[in-house]
Amino acid sequence: MAWKKPSEELSKFLDERISAFDVKKKKMFGCPVYFANDYMFAGVFENDIFIRLPEQERKKIISENDEVVPFEPVKGRVMKEYVVLPDSLYNDSEKFHELLGSSYEYILSLPAKQKKKR
């Protein structure tokens, strides 16, 4: 299965918008993703921006916008807690910043990850 390369334009766009948050940028499968508190919370996959949201906010945003869908990088394998945002949401600066902030706060509220023993 071949994935498309992540959109450079979207990657730069997300880079600029996410700079307001204390995050670490990494690459997963060639895609830019952002971590805080050792948890991934946003990224670009192919031509999509995805973010992680708590259950209540996920349900709300999906019910309010039929273009918001669960993040499914591999058919049949939905990533729990992640949604793909349509350009109508991420091009709304205020709404997008609010969503990123909500995602960031949610990630910071999660318990610290335990280091795996080697």
N, C-alpha and C. Protein backbone atom coordinates (compact mmCIF):
# COMPACT_ATOMS: atom_id res chain seq x y z
N MET A 1 0.84 -1.18 0.00
CA MET A 1 0.00 0.00 0.00
C MET A 1 0.88 1.25 0.00
N ALA A 2 0.67 2.10 -0.97
CA ALA A 2 1.47 3.32 -1.08
C ALA A 2 0.68 4.52 -0.60
N TRP A 3 1.30 5.28 0.30
CA TRP A 3 0.70 6.52 0.77
C TRP A 3 1.21 7.66 -0.09
N LYS A 4 0.41 8.71 -0.17
CA LYS A 4 0.85 9.92 -0.83
C LYS A 4 1.75 10.68 0.13
N LYS A 5 2.70 11.41 -0.42
CA LYS A 5 3.52 12.27 0.42
C LYS A 5 2.63 13.33 1.05
N PRO A 6 2.96 13.74 2.29
CA PRO A 6 2.16 14.80 2.91
C PRO A 6 2.30 16.11 2.14
N SER A 7 1.23 16.84 2.09
CA SER A 7 1.21 18.13 1.41
C SER A 7 2.22 19.08 2.08
N GLU A 8 3.16 19.58 1.28
CA GLU A 8 4.14 20.54 1.82
C GLU A 8 3.46 21.83 2.26
N GLU A 9 2.47 22.23 1.48
CA GLU A 9 1.73 23.45 1.80
C GLU A 9 1.02 23.32 3.15
N LEU A 10 0.34 22.19 3.37
CA LEU A 10 -0.34 21.97 4.65
C LEU A 10 0.66 21.84 5.79
N SER A 11 1.79 21.19 5.52
CA SER A 11 2.82 21.03 6.55
C SER A 11 3.33 22.39 7.01
N LYS A 12 3.60 23.29 6.09
CA LYS A 12 4.06 24.63 6.44
C LYS A 12 2.96 25.39 7.18
N PHE A 13 1.74 25.25 6.68
CA PHE A 13 0.60 25.90 7.30
C PHE A 13 0.47 25.48 8.77
N LEU A 14 0.51 24.16 9.01
CA LEU A 14 0.38 23.67 10.39
C LEU A 14 1.57 24.08 11.23
N ASP A 15 2.76 24.04 10.66
CA ASP A 15 3.96 24.50 11.37
C ASP A 15 3.78 25.91 11.92
N GLU A 16 3.27 26.80 11.06
CA GLU A 16 3.07 28.19 11.47
C GLU A 16 2.02 28.32 12.57
N ARG A 17 0.93 27.58 12.43
CA ARG A 17 -0.17 27.70 13.39
C ARG A 17 0.15 27.06 14.73
N ILE A 18 0.98 26.03 14.71
CA ILE A 18 1.24 25.28 15.94
C ILE A 18 2.40 25.88 16.73
N SER A 19 3.07 26.86 16.15
CA SER A 19 4.23 27.46 16.82
C SER A 19 3.86 28.16 18.13
N ALA A 20 2.58 28.43 18.34
CA ALA A 20 2.13 29.06 19.59
C ALA A 20 2.16 28.09 20.76
N PHE A 21 2.36 26.81 20.49
CA PHE A 21 2.33 25.79 21.52
C PHE A 21 3.72 25.17 21.71
N ASP A 22 3.99 24.70 22.92
CA ASP A 22 5.27 24.06 23.23
C ASP A 22 5.18 22.59 22.79
N VAL A 23 5.66 22.32 21.60
CA VAL A 23 5.54 20.98 21.02
C VAL A 23 6.88 20.50 20.46
N LYS A 24 6.93 19.22 20.20
CA LYS A 24 8.07 18.61 19.51
C LYS A 24 7.57 18.09 18.18
N LYS A 25 8.26 18.45 17.13
CA LYS A 25 7.90 17.97 15.80
C LYS A 25 8.70 16.72 15.50
N LYS A 26 8.02 15.72 15.00
CA LYS A 26 8.67 14.47 14.60
C LYS A 26 8.10 14.04 13.26
N LYS A 27 8.66 13.01 12.72
CA LYS A 27 8.12 12.42 11.49
C LYS A 27 7.70 11.00 11.80
N MET A 28 6.50 10.66 11.34
CA MET A 28 6.01 9.29 11.44
C MET A 28 5.59 8.88 10.04
N PHE A 29 6.20 7.84 9.54
CA PHE A 29 5.90 7.36 8.19
C PHE A 29 6.05 8.48 7.16
N GLY A 30 7.03 9.35 7.40
CA GLY A 30 7.30 10.45 6.48
C GLY A 30 6.39 11.65 6.64
N CYS A 31 5.51 11.62 7.63
CA CYS A 31 4.54 12.70 7.84
C CYS A 31 4.91 13.52 9.07
N PRO A 32 4.75 14.86 8.99
CA PRO A 32 5.03 15.69 10.16
C PRO A 32 3.93 15.55 11.21
N VAL A 33 4.34 15.25 12.43
CA VAL A 33 3.40 15.14 13.54
C VAL A 33 3.97 15.90 14.73
N TYR A 34 3.09 16.29 15.63
CA TYR A 34 3.48 17.12 16.76
C TYR A 34 3.10 16.43 18.06
N PHE A 35 4.03 16.49 19.01
CA PHE A 35 3.86 15.84 20.30
C PHE A 35 3.95 16.86 21.42
N ALA A 36 3.19 16.62 22.47
CA ALA A 36 3.31 17.36 23.72
C ALA A 36 3.07 16.33 24.81
N ASN A 37 3.78 16.43 25.91
CA ASN A 37 3.60 15.48 27.00
C ASN A 37 3.81 14.03 26.53
N ASP A 38 4.65 13.85 25.53
CA ASP A 38 4.95 12.55 24.92
C ASP A 38 3.77 11.91 24.19
N TYR A 39 2.73 12.69 23.90
CA TYR A 39 1.57 12.20 23.16
C TYR A 39 1.45 12.97 21.84
N MET A 40 1.15 12.26 20.77
CA MET A 40 0.89 12.91 19.50
C MET A 40 -0.47 13.60 19.59
N PHE A 41 -0.53 14.84 19.10
CA PHE A 41 -1.83 15.50 19.15
C PHE A 41 -2.26 16.15 17.84
N ALA A 42 -1.37 16.28 16.87
CA ALA A 42 -1.76 16.86 15.58
C ALA A 42 -0.73 16.46 14.53
N GLY A 43 -1.16 16.54 13.28
CA GLY A 43 -0.23 16.23 12.21
C GLY A 43 -0.87 16.39 10.84
N VAL A 44 -0.04 16.12 9.84
CA VAL A 44 -0.49 16.14 8.45
C VAL A 44 -0.30 14.73 7.90
N PHE A 45 -1.35 14.23 7.27
CA PHE A 45 -1.29 12.92 6.61
C PHE A 45 -1.85 13.10 5.22
N GLU A 46 -1.02 12.84 4.22
CA GLU A 46 -1.38 13.05 2.82
C GLU A 46 -1.87 14.49 2.65
N ASN A 47 -3.14 14.71 2.33
CA ASN A 47 -3.67 16.06 2.14
C ASN A 47 -4.62 16.47 3.25
N ASP A 48 -4.40 15.92 4.45
CA ASP A 48 -5.30 16.18 5.57
C ASP A 48 -4.54 16.63 6.81
N ILE A 49 -5.21 17.46 7.61
CA ILE A 49 -4.73 17.80 8.94
C ILE A 49 -5.59 17.02 9.92
N PHE A 50 -4.94 16.38 10.88
CA PHE A 50 -5.69 15.64 11.91
C PHE A 50 -5.27 16.14 13.28
N ILE A 51 -6.21 16.05 14.23
CA ILE A 51 -5.92 16.43 15.62
C ILE A 51 -6.59 15.43 16.56
N ARG A 52 -6.10 15.43 17.78
CA ARG A 52 -6.66 14.56 18.82
C ARG A 52 -7.52 15.41 19.74
N LEU A 53 -8.73 14.93 19.99
CA LEU A 53 -9.65 15.67 20.85
C LEU A 53 -10.29 14.73 21.87
N PRO A 54 -10.67 15.28 23.02
CA PRO A 54 -11.39 14.46 24.00
C PRO A 54 -12.76 14.07 23.44
N GLU A 55 -13.31 12.99 23.97
CA GLU A 55 -14.54 12.41 23.42
C GLU A 55 -15.68 13.41 23.23
N GLN A 56 -15.96 14.20 24.24
CA GLN A 56 -17.09 15.12 24.16
C GLN A 56 -16.92 16.12 23.01
N GLU A 57 -15.73 16.66 22.87
CA GLU A 57 -15.47 17.62 21.79
C GLU A 57 -15.48 16.95 20.42
N ARG A 58 -14.97 15.72 20.36
CA ARG A 58 -15.00 14.97 19.10
C ARG A 58 -16.45 14.77 18.64
N LYS A 59 -17.29 14.31 19.55
CA LYS A 59 -18.70 14.09 19.21
C LYS A 59 -19.37 15.39 18.76
N LYS A 60 -19.07 16.46 19.47
CA LYS A 60 -19.67 17.75 19.15
C LYS A 60 -19.26 18.22 17.76
N ILE A 61 -17.97 18.20 17.47
CA ILE A 61 -17.49 18.71 16.18
C ILE A 61 -17.96 17.83 15.02
N ILE A 62 -18.06 16.53 15.24
CA ILE A 62 -18.56 15.63 14.20
C ILE A 62 -20.05 15.89 13.95
N SER A 63 -20.81 16.14 15.01
CA SER A 63 -22.24 16.40 14.85
C SER A 63 -22.50 17.76 14.20
N GLU A 64 -21.60 18.72 14.41
CA GLU A 64 -21.79 20.07 13.85
C GLU A 64 -21.28 20.21 12.42
N ASN A 65 -20.39 19.32 12.01
CA ASN A 65 -19.77 19.45 10.69
C ASN A 65 -19.62 18.07 10.07
N ASP A 66 -20.40 17.79 9.04
CA ASP A 66 -20.38 16.46 8.44
C ASP A 66 -19.10 16.16 7.64
N GLU A 67 -18.23 17.17 7.49
CA GLU A 67 -16.95 16.94 6.82
C GLU A 67 -15.87 16.45 7.78
N VAL A 68 -16.11 16.57 9.07
CA VAL A 68 -15.16 16.07 10.07
C VAL A 68 -15.38 14.56 10.20
N VAL A 69 -14.30 13.82 10.02
CA VAL A 69 -14.40 12.36 10.07
C VAL A 69 -13.30 11.80 10.97
N PRO A 70 -13.50 10.59 11.50
CA PRO A 70 -12.43 9.95 12.27
C PRO A 70 -11.20 9.75 11.39
N PHE A 71 -10.04 9.85 11.99
CA PHE A 71 -8.78 9.67 11.26
C PHE A 71 -8.53 8.18 11.05
N GLU A 72 -8.44 7.80 9.79
CA GLU A 72 -8.27 6.40 9.41
C GLU A 72 -7.13 6.30 8.38
N PRO A 73 -5.87 6.29 8.84
CA PRO A 73 -4.75 6.27 7.90
C PRO A 73 -4.67 4.99 7.07
N VAL A 74 -5.18 3.90 7.62
CA VAL A 74 -5.25 2.62 6.91
C VAL A 74 -6.71 2.19 6.95
N LYS A 75 -7.26 1.86 5.81
CA LYS A 75 -8.68 1.47 5.74
C LYS A 75 -9.00 0.41 6.79
N GLY A 76 -10.02 0.70 7.59
CA GLY A 76 -10.44 -0.23 8.64
C GLY A 76 -9.71 -0.07 9.96
N ARG A 77 -8.77 0.86 10.04
CA ARG A 77 -8.01 1.07 11.26
C ARG A 77 -8.11 2.53 11.70
N VAL A 78 -9.19 2.82 12.38
CA VAL A 78 -9.44 4.18 12.86
C VAL A 78 -8.55 4.44 14.08
N MET A 79 -7.92 5.61 14.09
CA MET A 79 -7.11 5.99 15.25
C MET A 79 -8.02 6.65 16.28
N LYS A 80 -8.12 5.99 17.40
CA LYS A 80 -8.98 6.45 18.49
C LYS A 80 -8.62 7.89 18.88
N GLU A 81 -9.62 8.69 19.06
CA GLU A 81 -9.53 10.07 19.53
C GLU A 81 -9.08 11.09 18.47
N TYR A 82 -8.77 10.67 17.26
CA TYR A 82 -8.29 11.59 16.24
C TYR A 82 -9.36 11.84 15.18
N VAL A 83 -9.42 13.09 14.70
CA VAL A 83 -10.32 13.44 13.62
C VAL A 83 -9.57 14.20 12.54
N VAL A 84 -10.08 14.09 11.31
CA VAL A 84 -9.55 14.85 10.18
C VAL A 84 -10.40 16.10 10.04
N LEU A 85 -9.73 17.23 9.92
CA LEU A 85 -10.43 18.51 9.80
C LEU A 85 -10.55 18.93 8.34
N PRO A 86 -11.72 19.41 7.94
CA PRO A 86 -11.86 19.95 6.58
C PRO A 86 -11.21 21.33 6.51
N ASP A 87 -10.87 21.76 5.31
CA ASP A 87 -10.22 23.06 5.17
C ASP A 87 -11.11 24.21 5.65
N SER A 88 -12.42 24.02 5.65
CA SER A 88 -13.30 25.08 6.16
C SER A 88 -13.04 25.37 7.64
N LEU A 89 -12.58 24.38 8.38
CA LEU A 89 -12.27 24.59 9.80
C LEU A 89 -10.85 25.10 10.00
N TYR A 90 -9.88 24.52 9.31
CA TYR A 90 -8.52 24.99 9.58
C TYR A 90 -8.20 26.30 8.88
N ASN A 91 -9.03 26.72 7.93
CA ASN A 91 -8.85 28.04 7.33
C ASN A 91 -9.56 29.14 8.10
N ASP A 92 -10.33 28.76 9.11
CA ASP A 92 -10.95 29.71 10.03
C ASP A 92 -9.95 29.86 11.19
N SER A 93 -9.11 30.90 11.13
CA SER A 93 -8.00 31.07 12.08
C SER A 93 -8.42 30.94 13.52
N GLU A 94 -9.49 31.60 13.88
CA GLU A 94 -9.94 31.59 15.27
C GLU A 94 -10.39 30.19 15.70
N LYS A 95 -11.20 29.57 14.88
CA LYS A 95 -11.71 28.23 15.21
C LYS A 95 -10.56 27.21 15.25
N PHE A 96 -9.65 27.30 14.30
CA PHE A 96 -8.54 26.36 14.25
C PHE A 96 -7.64 26.51 15.47
N HIS A 97 -7.36 27.75 15.86
CA HIS A 97 -6.54 27.98 17.06
C HIS A 97 -7.24 27.42 18.30
N GLU A 98 -8.55 27.60 18.34
CA GLU A 98 -9.34 27.07 19.46
C GLU A 98 -9.25 25.54 19.50
N LEU A 99 -9.36 24.89 18.34
CA LEU A 99 -9.28 23.43 18.28
C LEU A 99 -7.89 22.93 18.67
N LEU A 100 -6.85 23.61 18.17
CA LEU A 100 -5.49 23.23 18.55
C LEU A 100 -5.28 23.40 20.05
N GLY A 101 -5.79 24.49 20.60
CA GLY A 101 -5.67 24.73 22.03
C GLY A 101 -6.38 23.67 22.84
N SER A 102 -7.54 23.28 22.40
CA SER A 102 -8.30 22.24 23.08
C SER A 102 -7.55 20.91 23.03
N SER A 103 -7.01 20.60 21.87
CA SER A 103 -6.23 19.37 21.71
C SER A 103 -5.00 19.40 22.62
N TYR A 104 -4.32 20.53 22.63
CA TYR A 104 -3.11 20.69 23.44
C TYR A 104 -3.42 20.53 24.93
N GLU A 105 -4.47 21.18 25.39
CA GLU A 105 -4.85 21.07 26.80
C GLU A 105 -5.22 19.63 27.16
N TYR A 106 -5.91 18.97 26.27
CA TYR A 106 -6.29 17.58 26.50
C TYR A 106 -5.05 16.71 26.65
N ILE A 107 -4.09 16.88 25.77
CA ILE A 107 -2.85 16.09 25.81
C ILE A 107 -2.10 16.35 27.11
N LEU A 108 -2.06 17.60 27.53
CA LEU A 108 -1.36 17.92 28.78
C LEU A 108 -2.06 17.35 30.00
N SER A 109 -3.35 17.08 29.89
CA SER A 109 -4.10 16.53 31.02
C SER A 109 -3.91 15.02 31.17
N LEU A 110 -3.36 14.38 30.16
CA LEU A 110 -3.16 12.92 30.22
C LEU A 110 -1.99 12.58 31.14
N PRO A 111 -2.03 11.41 31.77
CA PRO A 111 -0.93 11.04 32.67
C PRO A 111 0.38 10.88 31.89
N ALA A 112 1.46 11.19 32.56
CA ALA A 112 2.77 11.05 31.92
C ALA A 112 2.98 9.59 31.50
N LYS A 113 3.55 9.43 30.33
CA LYS A 113 3.81 8.08 29.83
C LYS A 113 4.98 7.46 30.60
N GLN A 114 4.86 6.19 30.86
CA GLN A 114 5.94 5.45 31.52
C GLN A 114 6.97 5.06 30.47
N LYS A 115 8.22 5.25 30.77
CA LYS A 115 9.28 4.85 29.85
C LYS A 115 9.31 3.33 29.77
N LYS A 116 9.39 2.81 28.56
CA LYS A 116 9.45 1.36 28.38
C LYS A 116 10.87 0.87 28.66
N LYS A 117 10.94 -0.24 29.37
CA LYS A 117 12.26 -0.82 29.67
C LYS A 117 12.75 -1.56 28.44
N ARG A 118 14.03 -1.43 28.21
CA ARG A 118 14.63 -2.11 27.06
C ARG A 118 15.20 -3.44 27.47
